[in-house]
Amino acid sequence: MPIVKCSVSNCTYWGEDNNCIADLIMVEIDRHSKKDFKAEFTGEFAYDTRHQDAAVSSAETCCHTFTPKQS
């Protein structure tokens, strides 16, 4: 798995040295940022990866893997 850097420190998957420690990373285009791609199955989340989109630059993308840390 590649090293994924992330600066969102309040994410459950934020690890030491700003490394993302999620097993799966879902990146989506901003135009779908409000869409919920997750379906819960026995406590685990499965991501809908059936659709495909194109982005011109990284500014048009967002991470759907983010889950806030529990306090």
C-alpha atoms as a PDB file:
ATOM      1  CA  MET A   1       0.000   0.000   0.000  1.00  0.00           C
ATOM      2  CA  PRO A   2       1.373   3.455  -0.796  1.00  0.00           C
ATOM      3  CA  ILE A   3       2.126   5.979   1.923  1.00  0.00           C
ATOM      4  CA  VAL A   4      -0.716   8.514   2.105  1.00  0.00           C
ATOM      5  CA  LYS A   5      -0.001  11.802   3.881  1.00  0.00           C
ATOM      6  CA  CYS A   6      -2.862  13.643   5.599  1.00  0.00           C
ATOM      7  CA  SER A   7      -2.928  16.741   7.795  1.00  0.00           C
ATOM      8  CA  VAL A   8      -6.448  16.205   9.231  1.00  0.00           C
ATOM      9  CA  SER A   9      -5.417  15.375  12.803  1.00  0.00           C
ATOM     10  CA  ASN A  10      -8.957  14.775  14.097  1.00  0.00           C
ATOM     11  CA  CYS A  11      -9.466  11.771  11.789  1.00  0.00           C
ATOM     12  CA  THR A  12      -9.604   8.258  13.255  1.00  0.00           C
ATOM     13  CA  TYR A  13      -7.054   7.150  10.665  1.00  0.00           C
ATOM     14  CA  TRP A  14      -4.539   9.954  11.246  1.00  0.00           C
ATOM     15  CA  GLY A  15      -1.240   8.414  12.318  1.00  0.00           C
ATOM     16  CA  GLU A  16       2.259   9.404  13.340  1.00  0.00           C
ATOM     17  CA  ASP A  17       4.089  11.748  10.952  1.00  0.00           C
ATOM     18  CA  ASN A  18       0.784  12.694   9.222  1.00  0.00           C
ATOM     19  CA  ASN A  19       0.392   9.211   7.731  1.00  0.00           C
ATOM     20  CA  CYS A  20      -3.057   7.840   6.925  1.00  0.00           C
ATOM     21  CA  ILE A  21      -3.417   4.395   8.522  1.00  0.00           C
ATOM     22  CA  ALA A  22      -6.754   3.410   6.935  1.00  0.00           C
ATOM     23  CA  ASP A  23      -6.933   0.021   5.204  1.00  0.00           C
ATOM     24  CA  LEU A  24      -8.958   1.574   2.382  1.00  0.00           C
ATOM     25  CA  ILE A  25      -8.967   5.165   1.124  1.00  0.00           C
ATOM     26  CA  MET A  26     -11.903   6.519  -0.875  1.00  0.00           C
ATOM     27  CA  VAL A  27     -11.182   9.698  -2.846  1.00  0.00           C
ATOM     28  CA  GLU A  28     -14.050  11.361  -4.671  1.00  0.00           C
ATOM     29  CA  ILE A  29     -14.539  14.467  -6.784  1.00  0.00           C
ATOM     30  CA  ASP A  30     -15.906  17.538  -4.999  1.00  0.00           C
ATOM     31  CA  ARG A  31     -19.102  17.536  -7.013  1.00  0.00           C
ATOM     32  CA  HIS A  32     -20.046  14.359  -5.096  1.00  0.00           C
ATOM     33  CA  SER A  33     -18.760  15.577  -1.723  1.00  0.00           C
ATOM     34  CA  LYS A  34     -22.212  15.466  -0.066  1.00  0.00           C
ATOM     35  CA  LYS A  35     -23.043  11.985  -1.386  1.00  0.00           C
ATOM     36  CA  ASP A  36     -22.896   9.094   1.093  1.00  0.00           C
ATOM     37  CA  PHE A  37     -21.043   6.197  -0.549  1.00  0.00           C
ATOM     38  CA  LYS A  38     -20.863   4.129   2.623  1.00  0.00           C
ATOM     39  CA  ALA A  39     -23.092   1.196   3.487  1.00  0.00           C
ATOM     40  CA  GLU A  40     -22.599  -0.415   6.881  1.00  0.00           C
ATOM     41  CA  PHE A  41     -22.252  -4.180   7.097  1.00  0.00           C
ATOM     42  CA  THR A  42     -21.704  -5.659  10.578  1.00  0.00           C
ATOM     43  CA  GLY A  43     -19.828  -2.625  11.809  1.00  0.00           C
ATOM     44  CA  GLU A  44     -17.583  -2.316   8.738  1.00  0.00           C
ATOM     45  CA  PHE A  45     -18.039   0.132   5.899  1.00  0.00           C
ATOM     46  CA  ALA A  46     -18.049  -0.854   2.243  1.00  0.00           C
ATOM     47  CA  TYR A  47     -17.485   1.863  -0.327  1.00  0.00           C
ATOM     48  CA  ASP A  48     -19.407   2.159  -3.577  1.00  0.00           C
ATOM     49  CA  THR A  49     -16.686   2.006  -6.234  1.00  0.00           C
ATOM     50  CA  ARG A  50     -18.948   1.206  -9.181  1.00  0.00           C
ATOM     51  CA  HIS A  51     -18.955   4.711 -10.635  1.00  0.00           C
ATOM     52  CA  GLN A  52     -16.056   6.536 -12.273  1.00  0.00           C
ATOM     53  CA  ASP A  53     -15.359  10.252 -12.585  1.00  0.00           C
ATOM     54  CA  ALA A  54     -12.538  12.448 -13.866  1.00  0.00           C
ATOM     55  CA  ALA A  55     -10.805  15.402 -12.202  1.00  0.00           C
ATOM     56  CA  VAL A  56      -8.573  17.995 -13.826  1.00  0.00           C
ATOM     57  CA  SER A  57      -6.605  18.785 -10.638  1.00  0.00           C
ATOM     58  CA  SER A  58      -6.267  17.660  -7.018  1.00  0.00           C
ATOM     59  CA  ALA A  59      -8.288  20.732  -5.971  1.00  0.00           C
ATOM     60  CA  GLU A  60     -11.350  18.992  -7.417  1.00  0.00           C
ATOM     61  CA  THR A  61     -11.042  15.973  -5.126  1.00  0.00           C
ATOM     62  CA  CYS A  62     -11.844  15.100  -1.514  1.00  0.00           C
ATOM     63  CA  CYS A  63     -11.344  12.179   0.848  1.00  0.00           C
ATOM     64  CA  HIS A  64     -14.409  10.188   1.918  1.00  0.00           C
ATOM     65  CA  THR A  65     -12.387   7.958   4.264  1.00  0.00           C
ATOM     66  CA  PHE A  66     -12.360  10.671   6.965  1.00  0.00           C
ATOM     67  CA  THR A  67     -14.005   9.597  10.221  1.00  0.00           C
ATOM     68  CA  PRO A  68     -13.786  11.948  13.241  1.00  0.00           C
ATOM     69  CA  LYS A  69     -11.901  10.627  16.255  1.00  0.00           C
ATOM     70  CA  GLN A  70     -14.079   9.746  19.229  1.00  0.00           C
ATOM     71  CA  SER A  71     -13.301  11.835  22.299  1.00  0.00           C
END
